[in-house]
PDB file of N, CA and C in Angstrom:
ATOM      1  N   MET A   1      53.732  36.719 -24.383  1.00  0.00           N
ATOM      2  CA  MET A   1      54.344  36.127 -23.237  1.00  0.00           C
ATOM      3  C   MET A   1      53.345  36.176 -22.089  1.00  0.00           C
ATOM      4  N   PRO A   2      53.111  34.996 -21.445  1.00  0.00           N
ATOM      5  CA  PRO A   2      52.123  34.998 -20.362  1.00  0.00           C
ATOM      6  C   PRO A   2      52.596  35.804 -19.174  1.00  0.00           C
ATOM      7  N   GLU A   3      51.614  36.454 -18.556  1.00  0.00           N
ATOM      8  CA  GLU A   3      51.946  37.255 -17.378  1.00  0.00           C
ATOM      9  C   GLU A   3      51.996  36.361 -16.150  1.00  0.00           C
ATOM     10  N   LYS A   4      52.923  36.653 -15.266  1.00  0.00           N
ATOM     11  CA  LYS A   4      53.052  35.914 -14.021  1.00  0.00           C
ATOM     12  C   LYS A   4      52.408  36.716 -12.905  1.00  0.00           C
ATOM     13  N   ASP A   5      51.813  35.968 -11.964  1.00  0.00           N
ATOM     14  CA  ASP A   5      51.247  36.634 -10.799  1.00  0.00           C
ATOM     15  C   ASP A   5      52.384  37.208  -9.973  1.00  0.00           C
ATOM     16  N   PRO A   6      52.139  38.374  -9.396  1.00  0.00           N
ATOM     17  CA  PRO A   6      53.205  38.934  -8.540  1.00  0.00           C
ATOM     18  C   PRO A   6      53.370  38.062  -7.301  1.00  0.00           C
ATOM     19  N   PRO A   7      54.574  37.958  -6.795  1.00  0.00           N
ATOM     20  CA  PRO A   7      54.803  37.142  -5.600  1.00  0.00           C
ATOM     21  C   PRO A   7      54.029  37.698  -4.408  1.00  0.00           C
ATOM     22  N   PRO A   8      53.510  36.824  -3.552  1.00  0.00           N
ATOM     23  CA  PRO A   8      52.785  37.291  -2.368  1.00  0.00           C
ATOM     24  C   PRO A   8      53.691  38.092  -1.458  1.00  0.00           C
ATOM     25  N   ILE A   9      53.080  39.029  -0.752  1.00  0.00           N
ATOM     26  CA  ILE A   9      53.842  39.922   0.111  1.00  0.00           C
ATOM     27  C   ILE A   9      54.374  39.197   1.335  1.00  0.00           C
ATOM     28  N   ASP A  10      53.585  38.255   1.908  1.00  0.00           N
ATOM     29  CA  ASP A  10      53.995  37.607   3.148  1.00  0.00           C
ATOM     30  C   ASP A  10      54.980  36.472   2.910  1.00  0.00           C
ATOM     31  N   GLY A  11      55.389  36.226   1.689  1.00  0.00           N
ATOM     32  CA  GLY A  11      56.386  35.203   1.423  1.00  0.00           C
ATOM     33  C   GLY A  11      55.802  33.837   1.148  1.00  0.00           C
ATOM     34  N   ALA A  12      54.473  33.674   1.179  1.00  0.00           N
ATOM     35  CA  ALA A  12      53.848  32.382   0.911  1.00  0.00           C
ATOM     36  C   ALA A  12      53.829  32.145  -0.593  1.00  0.00           C
ATOM     37  N   THR A  13      53.833  30.890  -0.970  1.00  0.00           N
ATOM     38  CA  THR A  13      53.763  30.563  -2.394  1.00  0.00           C
ATOM     39  C   THR A  13      52.345  30.763  -2.890  1.00  0.00           C
ATOM     40  N   THR A  14      52.168  30.773  -4.201  1.00  0.00           N
ATOM     41  CA  THR A  14      50.853  31.002  -4.790  1.00  0.00           C
ATOM     42  C   THR A  14      49.889  29.877  -4.443  1.00  0.00           C
ATOM     43  N   THR A  15      50.390  28.622  -4.416  1.00  0.00           N
ATOM     44  CA  THR A  15      49.507  27.515  -4.094  1.00  0.00           C
ATOM     45  C   THR A  15      49.049  27.575  -2.646  1.00  0.00           C
ATOM     46  N   ASP A  16      49.881  28.065  -1.756  1.00  0.00           N
ATOM     47  CA  ASP A  16      49.474  28.200  -0.355  1.00  0.00           C
ATOM     48  C   ASP A  16      48.381  29.259  -0.198  1.00  0.00           C
ATOM     49  N   ALA A  17      48.404  30.269  -1.029  1.00  0.00           N
ATOM     50  CA  ALA A  17      47.404  31.334  -0.934  1.00  0.00           C
ATOM     51  C   ALA A  17      46.048  30.853  -1.430  1.00  0.00           C
ATOM     52  N   ASP A  18      45.984  29.819  -2.286  1.00  0.00           N
ATOM     53  CA  ASP A  18      44.722  29.331  -2.826  1.00  0.00           C
ATOM     54  C   ASP A  18      44.009  28.346  -1.903  1.00  0.00           C
ATOM     55  N   TRP A  19      44.661  27.809  -0.914  1.00  0.00           N
ATOM     56  CA  TRP A  19      44.034  26.820  -0.032  1.00  0.00           C
ATOM     57  C   TRP A  19      42.773  27.330   0.648  1.00  0.00           C
ATOM     58  N   PRO A  20      42.778  28.501   1.220  1.00  0.00           N
ATOM     59  CA  PRO A  20      41.530  28.973   1.836  1.00  0.00           C
ATOM     60  C   PRO A  20      40.383  29.093   0.830  1.00  0.00           C
ATOM     61  N   THR A  21      40.692  29.532  -0.380  1.00  0.00           N
ATOM     62  CA  THR A  21      39.661  29.646  -1.411  1.00  0.00           C
ATOM     63  C   THR A  21      39.130  28.278  -1.797  1.00  0.00           C
ATOM     64  N   LEU A  22      40.038  27.313  -1.952  1.00  0.00           N
ATOM     65  CA  LEU A  22      39.628  25.961  -2.307  1.00  0.00           C
ATOM     66  C   LEU A  22      38.774  25.325  -1.203  1.00  0.00           C
ATOM     67  N   ILE A  23      39.164  25.520   0.035  1.00  0.00           N
ATOM     68  CA  ILE A  23      38.395  24.976   1.160  1.00  0.00           C
ATOM     69  C   ILE A  23      37.022  25.645   1.222  1.00  0.00           C
ATOM     70  N   GLU A  24      36.989  26.955   0.992  1.00  0.00           N
ATOM     71  CA  GLU A  24      35.714  27.667   1.001  1.00  0.00           C
ATOM     72  C   GLU A  24      34.795  27.142  -0.099  1.00  0.00           C
ATOM     73  N   ARG A  25      35.342  26.921  -1.295  1.00  0.00           N
ATOM     74  CA  ARG A  25      34.543  26.380  -2.394  1.00  0.00           C
ATOM     75  C   ARG A  25      34.049  24.972  -2.085  1.00  0.00           C
ATOM     76  N   ALA A  26      34.918  24.145  -1.502  1.00  0.00           N
ATOM     77  CA  ALA A  26      34.523  22.767  -1.178  1.00  0.00           C
ATOM     78  C   ALA A  26      33.404  22.751  -0.146  1.00  0.00           C
ATOM     79  N   VAL A  27      33.534  23.588   0.881  1.00  0.00           N
ATOM     80  CA  VAL A  27      32.499  23.661   1.916  1.00  0.00           C
ATOM     81  C   VAL A  27      31.199  24.199   1.320  1.00  0.00           C
ATOM     82  N   ASP A  28      31.291  25.202   0.447  1.00  0.00           N
ATOM     83  CA  ASP A  28      30.109  25.767  -0.188  1.00  0.00           C
ATOM     84  C   ASP A  28      29.429  24.727  -1.086  1.00  0.00           C
ATOM     85  N   ASP A  29      30.221  23.997  -1.875  1.00  0.00           N
ATOM     86  CA  ASP A  29      29.657  22.939  -2.722  1.00  0.00           C
ATOM     87  C   ASP A  29      29.001  21.851  -1.890  1.00  0.00           C
ATOM     88  N   LEU A  30      29.659  21.449  -0.810  1.00  0.00           N
ATOM     89  CA  LEU A  30      29.106  20.425   0.069  1.00  0.00           C
ATOM     90  C   LEU A  30      27.799  20.903   0.703  1.00  0.00           C
ATOM     91  N   ALA A  31      27.750  22.150   1.110  1.00  0.00           N
ATOM     92  CA  ALA A  31      26.525  22.695   1.714  1.00  0.00           C
ATOM     93  C   ALA A  31      25.393  22.718   0.693  1.00  0.00           C
ATOM     94  N   ARG A  32      25.699  23.094  -0.562  1.00  0.00           N
ATOM     95  CA  ARG A  32      24.662  23.099  -1.600  1.00  0.00           C
ATOM     96  C   ARG A  32      24.166  21.686  -1.886  1.00  0.00           C
ATOM     97  N   ILE A  33      25.068  20.706  -1.914  1.00  0.00           N
ATOM     98  CA  ILE A  33      24.676  19.319  -2.152  1.00  0.00           C
ATOM     99  C   ILE A  33      23.776  18.826  -1.027  1.00  0.00           C
ATOM    100  N   VAL A  34      24.158  19.108   0.208  1.00  0.00           N
ATOM    101  CA  VAL A  34      23.357  18.682   1.363  1.00  0.00           C
ATOM    102  C   VAL A  34      21.985  19.352   1.327  1.00  0.00           C
ATOM    103  N   ARG A  35      21.954  20.641   0.986  1.00  0.00           N
ATOM    104  CA  ARG A  35      20.677  21.351   0.897  1.00  0.00           C
ATOM    105  C   ARG A  35      19.772  20.753  -0.176  1.00  0.00           C
ATOM    106  N   SER A  36      20.350  20.464  -1.336  1.00  0.00           N
ATOM    107  CA  SER A  36      19.521  19.908  -2.415  1.00  0.00           C
ATOM    108  C   SER A  36      19.049  18.490  -2.080  1.00  0.00           C
ATOM    109  N   GLU A  37      19.892  17.680  -1.432  1.00  0.00           N
ATOM    110  CA  GLU A  37      19.478  16.339  -1.017  1.00  0.00           C
ATOM    111  C   GLU A  37      18.375  16.415   0.031  1.00  0.00           C
ATOM    112  N   ALA A  38      18.488  17.342   0.957  1.00  0.00           N
ATOM    113  CA  ALA A  38      17.444  17.514   1.980  1.00  0.00           C
ATOM    114  C   ALA A  38      16.134  17.952   1.332  1.00  0.00           C
ATOM    115  N   HIS A  39      16.224  18.822   0.341  1.00  0.00           N
ATOM    116  CA  HIS A  39      15.010  19.268  -0.358  1.00  0.00           C
ATOM    117  C   HIS A  39      14.371  18.103  -1.116  1.00  0.00           C
ATOM    118  N   MET A  40      15.173  17.287  -1.789  1.00  0.00           N
ATOM    119  CA  MET A  40      14.639  16.127  -2.506  1.00  0.00           C
ATOM    120  C   MET A  40      14.017  15.128  -1.534  1.00  0.00           C
ATOM    121  N   PHE A  41      14.668  14.909  -0.384  1.00  0.00           N
ATOM    122  CA  PHE A  41      14.127  14.001   0.626  1.00  0.00           C
ATOM    123  C   PHE A  41      12.797  14.511   1.150  1.00  0.00           C
ATOM    124  N   GLN A  42      12.721  15.806   1.414  1.00  0.00           N
ATOM    125  CA  GLN A  42      11.482  16.402   1.907  1.00  0.00           C
ATOM    126  C   GLN A  42      10.375  16.259   0.870  1.00  0.00           C
ATOM    127  N   THR A  43      10.695  16.457  -0.393  1.00  0.00           N
ATOM    128  CA  THR A  43       9.704  16.323  -1.452  1.00  0.00           C
ATOM    129  C   THR A  43       9.191  14.896  -1.538  1.00  0.00           C
ATOM    130  N   ARG A  44      10.087  13.914  -1.433  1.00  0.00           N
ATOM    131  CA  ARG A  44       9.675  12.509  -1.483  1.00  0.00           C
ATOM    132  C   ARG A  44       8.800  12.147  -0.288  1.00  0.00           C
ATOM    133  N   ILE A  45       9.184  12.614   0.891  1.00  0.00           N
ATOM    134  CA  ILE A  45       8.410  12.320   2.105  1.00  0.00           C
ATOM    135  C   ILE A  45       7.026  12.941   1.996  1.00  0.00           C
ATOM    136  N   GLU A  46       6.940  14.171   1.522  1.00  0.00           N
ATOM    137  CA  GLU A  46       5.642  14.823   1.389  1.00  0.00           C
ATOM    138  C   GLU A  46       4.744  14.058   0.420  1.00  0.00           C
ATOM    139  N   ALA A  47       5.306  13.622  -0.701  1.00  0.00           N
ATOM    140  CA  ALA A  47       4.512  12.876  -1.681  1.00  0.00           C
ATOM    141  C   ALA A  47       4.049  11.542  -1.102  1.00  0.00           C
ATOM    142  N   ALA A  48       4.942  10.860  -0.387  1.00  0.00           N
ATOM    143  CA  ALA A  48       4.576   9.569   0.208  1.00  0.00           C
ATOM    144  C   ALA A  48       3.497   9.747   1.278  1.00  0.00           C
ATOM    145  N   LEU A  49       3.632  10.759   2.110  1.00  0.00           N
ATOM    146  CA  LEU A  49       2.619  11.015   3.144  1.00  0.00           C
ATOM    147  C   LEU A  49       1.271  11.385   2.520  1.00  0.00           C
ATOM    148  N   GLU A  50       1.309  12.192   1.481  1.00  0.00           N
ATOM    149  CA  GLU A  50       0.071  12.581   0.821  1.00  0.00           C
ATOM    150  C   GLU A  50      -0.626  11.355   0.225  1.00  0.00           C
ATOM    151  N   LEU A  51       0.138  10.454  -0.381  1.00  0.00           N
ATOM    152  CA  LEU A  51      -0.429   9.237  -0.946  1.00  0.00           C
ATOM    153  C   LEU A  51      -1.028   8.352   0.146  1.00  0.00           C
ATOM    154  N   GLN A  52      -0.309   8.177   1.261  1.00  0.00           N
ATOM    155  CA  GLN A  52      -0.812   7.346   2.348  1.00  0.00           C
ATOM    156  C   GLN A  52      -2.064   7.942   2.976  1.00  0.00           C
ATOM    157  N   ILE A  53      -2.098   9.248   3.122  1.00  0.00           N
ATOM    158  CA  ILE A  53      -3.277   9.899   3.700  1.00  0.00           C
ATOM    159  C   ILE A  53      -4.483   9.729   2.782  1.00  0.00           C
ATOM    160  N   SER A  54      -4.280   9.888   1.473  1.00  0.00           N
ATOM    161  CA  SER A  54      -5.414   9.722   0.558  1.00  0.00           C
ATOM    162  C   SER A  54      -5.902   8.275   0.547  1.00  0.00           C
ATOM    163  N   ARG A  55      -4.983   7.310   0.641  1.00  0.00           N
ATOM    164  CA  ARG A  55      -5.393   5.901   0.716  1.00  0.00           C
ATOM    165  C   ARG A  55      -6.172   5.630   2.000  1.00  0.00           C
ATOM    166  N   MET A  56      -5.721   6.201   3.113  1.00  0.00           N
ATOM    167  CA  MET A  56      -6.391   5.991   4.392  1.00  0.00           C
ATOM    168  C   MET A  56      -7.790   6.598   4.376  1.00  0.00           C
ATOM    169  N   VAL A  57      -7.939   7.769   3.790  1.00  0.00           N
ATOM    170  CA  VAL A  57      -9.261   8.393   3.691  1.00  0.00           C
ATOM    171  C   VAL A  57     -10.181   7.529   2.839  1.00  0.00           C
ATOM    172  N   ALA A  58      -9.663   6.976   1.749  1.00  0.00           N
ATOM    173  CA  ALA A  58     -10.480   6.107   0.893  1.00  0.00           C
ATOM    174  C   ALA A  58     -10.896   4.842   1.648  1.00  0.00           C
ATOM    175  N   ARG A  59      -9.982   4.263   2.407  1.00  0.00           N
ATOM    176  CA  ARG A  59     -10.315   3.062   3.187  1.00  0.00           C
ATOM    177  C   ARG A  59     -11.350   3.362   4.256  1.00  0.00           C
ATOM    178  N   LEU A  60     -11.182   4.476   4.967  1.00  0.00           N
ATOM    179  CA  LEU A  60     -12.153   4.837   6.003  1.00  0.00           C
ATOM    180  C   LEU A  60     -13.527   5.120   5.408  1.00  0.00           C
ATOM    181  N   THR A  61     -13.564   5.735   4.242  1.00  0.00           N
ATOM    182  CA  THR A  61     -14.841   5.973   3.575  1.00  0.00           C
ATOM    183  C   THR A  61     -15.501   4.657   3.200  1.00  0.00           C
ATOM    184  N   LEU A  62     -14.711   3.721   2.687  1.00  0.00           N
ATOM    185  CA  LEU A  62     -15.244   2.409   2.335  1.00  0.00           C
ATOM    186  C   LEU A  62     -15.773   1.680   3.566  1.00  0.00           C
ATOM    187  N   ILE A  63     -15.018   1.720   4.656  1.00  0.00           N
ATOM    188  CA  ILE A  63     -15.453   1.055   5.893  1.00  0.00           C
ATOM    189  C   ILE A  63     -16.745   1.688   6.406  1.00  0.00           C
ATOM    190  N   ALA A  64     -16.821   3.018   6.381  1.00  0.00           N
ATOM    191  CA  ALA A  64     -18.035   3.697   6.844  1.00  0.00           C
ATOM    192  C   ALA A  64     -19.237   3.317   5.986  1.00  0.00           C
ATOM    193  N   ALA A  65     -19.030   3.217   4.679  1.00  0.00           N
ATOM    194  CA  ALA A  65     -20.133   2.831   3.788  1.00  0.00           C
ATOM    195  C   ALA A  65     -20.568   1.392   4.061  1.00  0.00           C
ATOM    196  N   LEU A  66     -19.622   0.506   4.280  1.00  0.00           N
ATOM    197  CA  LEU A  66     -19.966  -0.890   4.562  1.00  0.00           C
ATOM    198  C   LEU A  66     -20.694  -1.032   5.893  1.00  0.00           C
ATOM    199  N   VAL A  67     -20.230  -0.323   6.911  1.00  0.00           N
ATOM    200  CA  VAL A  67     -20.892  -0.391   8.215  1.00  0.00           C
ATOM    201  C   VAL A  67     -22.300   0.185   8.122  1.00  0.00           C
ATOM    202  N   GLY A  68     -22.449   1.326   7.447  1.00  0.00           N
ATOM    203  CA  GLY A  68     -23.779   1.917   7.294  1.00  0.00           C
ATOM    204  C   GLY A  68     -24.721   1.006   6.526  1.00  0.00           C
ATOM    205  N   GLY A  69     -24.229   0.420   5.438  1.00  0.00           N
ATOM    206  CA  GLY A  69     -25.060  -0.507   4.673  1.00  0.00           C
ATOM    207  C   GLY A  69     -25.465  -1.718   5.478  1.00  0.00           C
ATOM    208  N   THR A  70     -24.528  -2.240   6.263  1.00  0.00           N
ATOM    209  CA  THR A  70     -24.830  -3.393   7.113  1.00  0.00           C
ATOM    210  C   THR A  70     -25.904  -3.054   8.139  1.00  0.00           C
ATOM    211  N   LEU A  71     -25.807  -1.874   8.728  1.00  0.00           N
ATOM    212  CA  LEU A  71     -26.830  -1.462   9.701  1.00  0.00           C
ATOM    213  C   LEU A  71     -28.208  -1.326   9.051  1.00  0.00           C
ATOM    214  N   PHE A  72     -28.252  -0.768   7.844  1.00  0.00           N
ATOM    215  CA  PHE A  72     -29.534  -0.643   7.161  1.00  0.00           C
ATOM    216  C   PHE A  72     -30.131  -2.011   6.837  1.00  0.00           C
ATOM    217  N   ILE A  73     -29.294  -2.932   6.384  1.00  0.00           N
ATOM    218  CA  ILE A  73     -29.791  -4.281   6.088  1.00  0.00           C
ATOM    219  C   ILE A  73     -30.286  -4.957   7.366  1.00  0.00           C
ATOM    220  N   LEU A  74     -29.555  -4.768   8.471  1.00  0.00           N
ATOM    221  CA  LEU A  74     -29.973  -5.339   9.743  1.00  0.00           C
ATOM    222  C   LEU A  74     -31.313  -4.746  10.192  1.00  0.00           C
ATOM    223  N   CYS A  75     -31.470  -3.440  10.065  1.00  0.00           N
ATOM    224  CA  CYS A  75     -32.751  -2.814  10.426  1.00  0.00           C
ATOM    225  C   CYS A  75     -33.886  -3.313   9.542  1.00  0.00           C
ATOM    226  N   ALA A  76     -33.602  -3.483   8.265  1.00  0.00           N
ATOM    227  CA  ALA A  76     -34.636  -3.993   7.360  1.00  0.00           C
ATOM    228  C   ALA A  76     -35.039  -5.408   7.756  1.00  0.00           C
ATOM    229  N   ALA A  77     -34.072  -6.236   8.139  1.00  0.00           N
ATOM    230  CA  ALA A  77     -34.393  -7.603   8.565  1.00  0.00           C
ATOM    231  C   ALA A  77     -35.233  -7.587   9.841  1.00  0.00           C
ATOM    232  N   ILE A  78     -34.919  -6.678  10.757  1.00  0.00           N
ATOM    233  CA  ILE A  78     -35.696  -6.583  11.994  1.00  0.00           C
ATOM    234  C   ILE A  78     -37.128  -6.148  11.698  1.00  0.00           C
ATOM    235  N   PHE A  79     -37.299  -5.150  10.833  1.00  0.00           N
ATOM    236  CA  PHE A  79     -38.653  -4.710  10.473  1.00  0.00           C
ATOM    237  C   PHE A  79     -39.425  -5.824   9.769  1.00  0.00           C
ATOM    238  N   LEU A  80     -38.736  -6.592   8.933  1.00  0.00           N
ATOM    239  CA  LEU A  80     -39.401  -7.699   8.263  1.00  0.00           C
ATOM    240  C   LEU A  80     -39.842  -8.751   9.268  1.00  0.00           C
ATOM    241  N   LEU A  81     -38.964  -9.089  10.218  1.00  0.00           N
ATOM    242  CA  LEU A  81     -39.326 -10.078  11.237  1.00  0.00           C
ATOM    243  C   LEU A  81     -40.468  -9.570  12.122  1.00  0.00           C
ATOM    244  N   HIS A  82     -40.529  -8.246  12.316  1.00  0.00           N
ATOM    245  CA  HIS A  82     -41.555  -7.686  13.196  1.00  0.00           C
ATOM    246  C   HIS A  82     -42.961  -7.839  12.604  1.00  0.00           C
ATOM    247  N   ARG A  83     -43.031  -8.073  11.331  1.00  0.00           N
ATOM    248  CA  ARG A  83     -44.357  -8.279  10.731  1.00  0.00           C
ATOM    249  C   ARG A  83     -45.019  -9.533  11.304  1.00  0.00           C
ATOM    250  N   TRP A  84     -44.203 -10.537  11.717  1.00  0.00           N
ATOM    251  CA  TRP A  84     -44.754 -11.794  12.228  1.00  0.00           C
ATOM    252  C   TRP A  84     -44.469 -12.013  13.708  1.00  0.00           C
ATOM    253  N   LEU A  85     -43.470 -11.306  14.266  1.00  0.00           N
ATOM    254  CA  LEU A  85     -43.054 -11.525  15.656  1.00  0.00           C
ATOM    255  C   LEU A  85     -43.073 -10.206  16.419  1.00  0.00           C
ATOM    256  N   PRO A  86     -43.113 -10.276  17.766  1.00  0.00           N
ATOM    257  CA  PRO A  86     -42.975  -9.048  18.561  1.00  0.00           C
ATOM    258  C   PRO A  86     -41.558  -8.458  18.397  1.00  0.00           C
ATOM    259  N   TRP A  87     -41.430  -7.200  18.791  1.00  0.00           N
ATOM    260  CA  TRP A  87     -40.149  -6.510  18.613  1.00  0.00           C
ATOM    261  C   TRP A  87     -38.995  -7.245  19.285  1.00  0.00           C
ATOM    262  N   TRP A  88     -39.191  -7.690  20.526  1.00  0.00           N
ATOM    263  CA  TRP A  88     -38.072  -8.299  21.254  1.00  0.00           C
ATOM    264  C   TRP A  88     -37.594  -9.563  20.551  1.00  0.00           C
ATOM    265  N   GLN A  89     -38.500 -10.327  19.971  1.00  0.00           N
ATOM    266  CA  GLN A  89     -38.084 -11.532  19.259  1.00  0.00           C
ATOM    267  C   GLN A  89     -37.368 -11.182  17.945  1.00  0.00           C
ATOM    268  N   ALA A  90     -37.834 -10.145  17.270  1.00  0.00           N
ATOM    269  CA  ALA A  90     -37.188  -9.722  16.027  1.00  0.00           C
ATOM    270  C   ALA A  90     -35.754  -9.253  16.297  1.00  0.00           C
ATOM    271  N   PHE A  91     -35.586  -8.441  17.369  1.00  0.00           N
ATOM    272  CA  PHE A  91     -34.233  -7.985  17.720  1.00  0.00           C
ATOM    273  C   PHE A  91     -33.367  -9.149  18.190  1.00  0.00           C
ATOM    274  N   GLY A  92     -33.948 -10.065  18.930  1.00  0.00           N
ATOM    275  CA  GLY A  92     -33.182 -11.224  19.409  1.00  0.00           C
ATOM    276  C   GLY A  92     -32.689 -12.097  18.267  1.00  0.00           C
ATOM    277  N   ILE A  93     -33.542 -12.353  17.304  1.00  0.00           N
ATOM    278  CA  ILE A  93     -33.139 -13.166  16.152  1.00  0.00           C
ATOM    279  C   ILE A  93     -32.063 -12.452  15.342  1.00  0.00           C
ATOM    280  N   ALA A  94     -32.224 -11.136  15.131  1.00  0.00           N
ATOM    281  CA  ALA A  94     -31.217 -10.377  14.389  1.00  0.00           C
ATOM    282  C   ALA A  94     -29.885 -10.365  15.137  1.00  0.00           C
ATOM    283  N   GLY A  95     -29.925 -10.215  16.469  1.00  0.00           N
ATOM    284  CA  GLY A  95     -28.692 -10.243  17.270  1.00  0.00           C
ATOM    285  C   GLY A  95     -27.993 -11.579  17.193  1.00  0.00           C
ATOM    286  N   LEU A  96     -28.760 -12.654  17.284  1.00  0.00           N
ATOM    287  CA  LEU A  96     -28.160 -13.987  17.158  1.00  0.00           C
ATOM    288  C   LEU A  96     -27.541 -14.192  15.775  1.00  0.00           C
ATOM    289  N   ALA A  97     -28.205 -13.691  14.749  1.00  0.00           N
ATOM    290  CA  ALA A  97     -27.663 -13.813  13.388  1.00  0.00           C
ATOM    291  C   ALA A  97     -26.335 -13.063  13.262  1.00  0.00           C
ATOM    292  N   VAL A  98     -26.270 -11.873  13.856  1.00  0.00           N
ATOM    293  CA  VAL A  98     -25.016 -11.108  13.816  1.00  0.00           C
ATOM    294  C   VAL A  98     -23.923 -11.849  14.576  1.00  0.00           C
ATOM    295  N   TRP A  99     -24.232 -12.438  15.723  1.00  0.00           N
ATOM    296  CA  TRP A  99     -23.252 -13.218  16.466  1.00  0.00           C
ATOM    297  C   TRP A  99     -22.722 -14.386  15.634  1.00  0.00           C
ATOM    298  N   PHE A 100     -23.622 -15.108  15.012  1.00  0.00           N
ATOM    299  CA  PHE A 100     -23.186 -16.255  14.208  1.00  0.00           C
ATOM    300  C   PHE A 100     -22.306 -15.816  13.030  1.00  0.00           C
ATOM    301  N   VAL A 101     -22.652 -14.718  12.416  1.00  0.00           N
ATOM    302  CA  VAL A 101     -21.823 -14.205  11.315  1.00  0.00           C
ATOM    303  C   VAL A 101     -20.446 -13.798  11.847  1.00  0.00           C
ATOM    304  N   GLY A 102     -20.408 -13.173  13.010  1.00  0.00           N
ATOM    305  CA  GLY A 102     -19.124 -12.785  13.607  1.00  0.00           C
ATOM    306  C   GLY A 102     -18.267 -13.983  13.968  1.00  0.00           C
ATOM    307  N   ILE A 103     -18.879 -14.993  14.580  1.00  0.00           N
ATOM    308  CA  ILE A 103     -18.134 -16.205  14.955  1.00  0.00           C
ATOM    309  C   ILE A 103     -17.625 -16.924  13.711  1.00  0.00           C
ATOM    310  N   ALA A 104     -18.457 -17.009  12.684  1.00  0.00           N
ATOM    311  CA  ALA A 104     -18.037 -17.666  11.446  1.00  0.00           C
ATOM    312  C   ALA A 104     -16.898 -16.891  10.769  1.00  0.00           C
ATOM    313  N   SER A 105     -16.997 -15.584  10.765  1.00  0.00           N
ATOM    314  CA  SER A 105     -15.922 -14.766  10.180  1.00  0.00           C
ATOM    315  C   SER A 105     -14.623 -14.959  10.933  1.00  0.00           C
ATOM    316  N   HIS A 106     -14.709 -14.999  12.252  1.00  0.00           N
ATOM    317  CA  HIS A 106     -13.511 -15.204  13.069  1.00  0.00           C
ATOM    318  C   HIS A 106     -12.907 -16.575  12.801  1.00  0.00           C
ATOM    319  N   ALA A 107     -13.753 -17.591  12.700  1.00  0.00           N
ATOM    320  CA  ALA A 107     -13.247 -18.943  12.442  1.00  0.00           C
ATOM    321  C   ALA A 107     -12.611 -19.044  11.056  1.00  0.00           C
ATOM    322  N   ILE A 108     -13.165 -18.343  10.088  1.00  0.00           N
ATOM    323  CA  ILE A 108     -12.597 -18.375   8.737  1.00  0.00           C
ATOM    324  C   ILE A 108     -11.257 -17.639   8.689  1.00  0.00           C
ATOM    325  N   MET A 109     -11.137 -16.531   9.403  1.00  0.00           N
ATOM    326  CA  MET A 109      -9.921 -15.724   9.361  1.00  0.00           C
ATOM    327  C   MET A 109      -8.776 -16.310  10.177  1.00  0.00           C
ATOM    328  N   ARG A 110      -9.042 -17.092  11.190  1.00  0.00           N
ATOM    329  CA  ARG A 110      -7.996 -17.643  12.051  1.00  0.00           C
ATOM    330  C   ARG A 110      -6.978 -18.510  11.315  1.00  0.00           C
ATOM    331  N   PRO A 111      -7.375 -19.465  10.499  1.00  0.00           N
ATOM    332  CA  PRO A 111      -6.365 -20.272   9.804  1.00  0.00           C
ATOM    333  C   PRO A 111      -5.480 -19.441   8.881  1.00  0.00           C
ATOM    334  N   ARG A 112      -6.016 -18.417   8.276  1.00  0.00           N
ATOM    335  CA  ARG A 112      -5.210 -17.559   7.418  1.00  0.00           C
ATOM    336  C   ARG A 112      -4.134 -16.840   8.213  1.00  0.00           C
ATOM    337  N   GLU A 113      -4.455 -16.384   9.402  1.00  0.00           N
ATOM    338  CA  GLU A 113      -3.475 -15.707  10.241  1.00  0.00           C
ATOM    339  C   GLU A 113      -2.345 -16.647  10.622  1.00  0.00           C
ATOM    340  N   ARG A 114      -2.655 -17.854  10.981  1.00  0.00           N
ATOM    341  CA  ARG A 114      -1.624 -18.830  11.346  1.00  0.00           C
ATOM    342  C   ARG A 114      -0.775 -19.194  10.142  1.00  0.00           C
ATOM    343  N   ALA A 115      -1.397 -19.360   8.986  1.00  0.00           N
ATOM    344  CA  ALA A 115      -0.646 -19.700   7.779  1.00  0.00           C
ATOM    345  C   ALA A 115       0.278 -18.552   7.393  1.00  0.00           C
ATOM    346  N   GLY A 116      -0.177 -17.328   7.555  1.00  0.00           N
ATOM    347  CA  GLY A 116       0.662 -16.164   7.261  1.00  0.00           C
ATOM    348  C   GLY A 116       1.849 -16.068   8.189  1.00  0.00           C
ATOM    349  N   MET A 117       1.657 -16.449   9.454  1.00  0.00           N
ATOM    350  CA  MET A 117       2.761 -16.405  10.416  1.00  0.00           C
ATOM    351  C   MET A 117       3.782 -17.474  10.102  1.00  0.00           C
ATOM    352  N   SER A 118       3.371 -18.659   9.694  1.00  0.00           N
ATOM    353  CA  SER A 118       4.318 -19.735   9.429  1.00  0.00           C
ATOM    354  C   SER A 118       5.092 -19.474   8.143  1.00  0.00           C
ATOM    355  N   GLU A 119       4.478 -18.789   7.148  1.00  0.00           N
ATOM    356  CA  GLU A 119       5.185 -18.492   5.916  1.00  0.00           C
ATOM    357  C   GLU A 119       6.263 -17.444   6.133  1.00  0.00           C
ATOM    358  N   SER A 120       6.029 -16.490   7.032  1.00  0.00           N
ATOM    359  CA  SER A 120       7.010 -15.434   7.243  1.00  0.00           C
ATOM    360  C   SER A 120       8.198 -15.881   8.072  1.00  0.00           C
ATOM    361  N   GLN A 121       8.066 -16.997   8.799  1.00  0.00           N
ATOM    362  CA  GLN A 121       9.180 -17.434   9.643  1.00  0.00           C
ATOM    363  C   GLN A 121      10.153 -18.272   8.908  1.00  0.00           C
TER     364      GLN A 121
END
């Protein structure tokens, strides 16, 4: 024969006595869920930030290598021109060449920027 719980002393029913326990369990479960979700979110954010930082370092390294290489090529062109011309003319010709390359690059990139803006609208 199953045993029955003794009646509560204060006159409350058995189900009324379990409400605080049930609420405590629900709050505890909710707190654990929130904690685990926050931990998962933090882990995802850390991984995403680490990936973005490594990509940025790789891009900056590439840019630094390209700029350094460009400067060396420019210096080599100036030294080559100096074999036949004075220094000021060699630097002037190299400067004009860099300007023309910059203007041409800007002119080439401008239509792409406008086309990209019209496609997104």
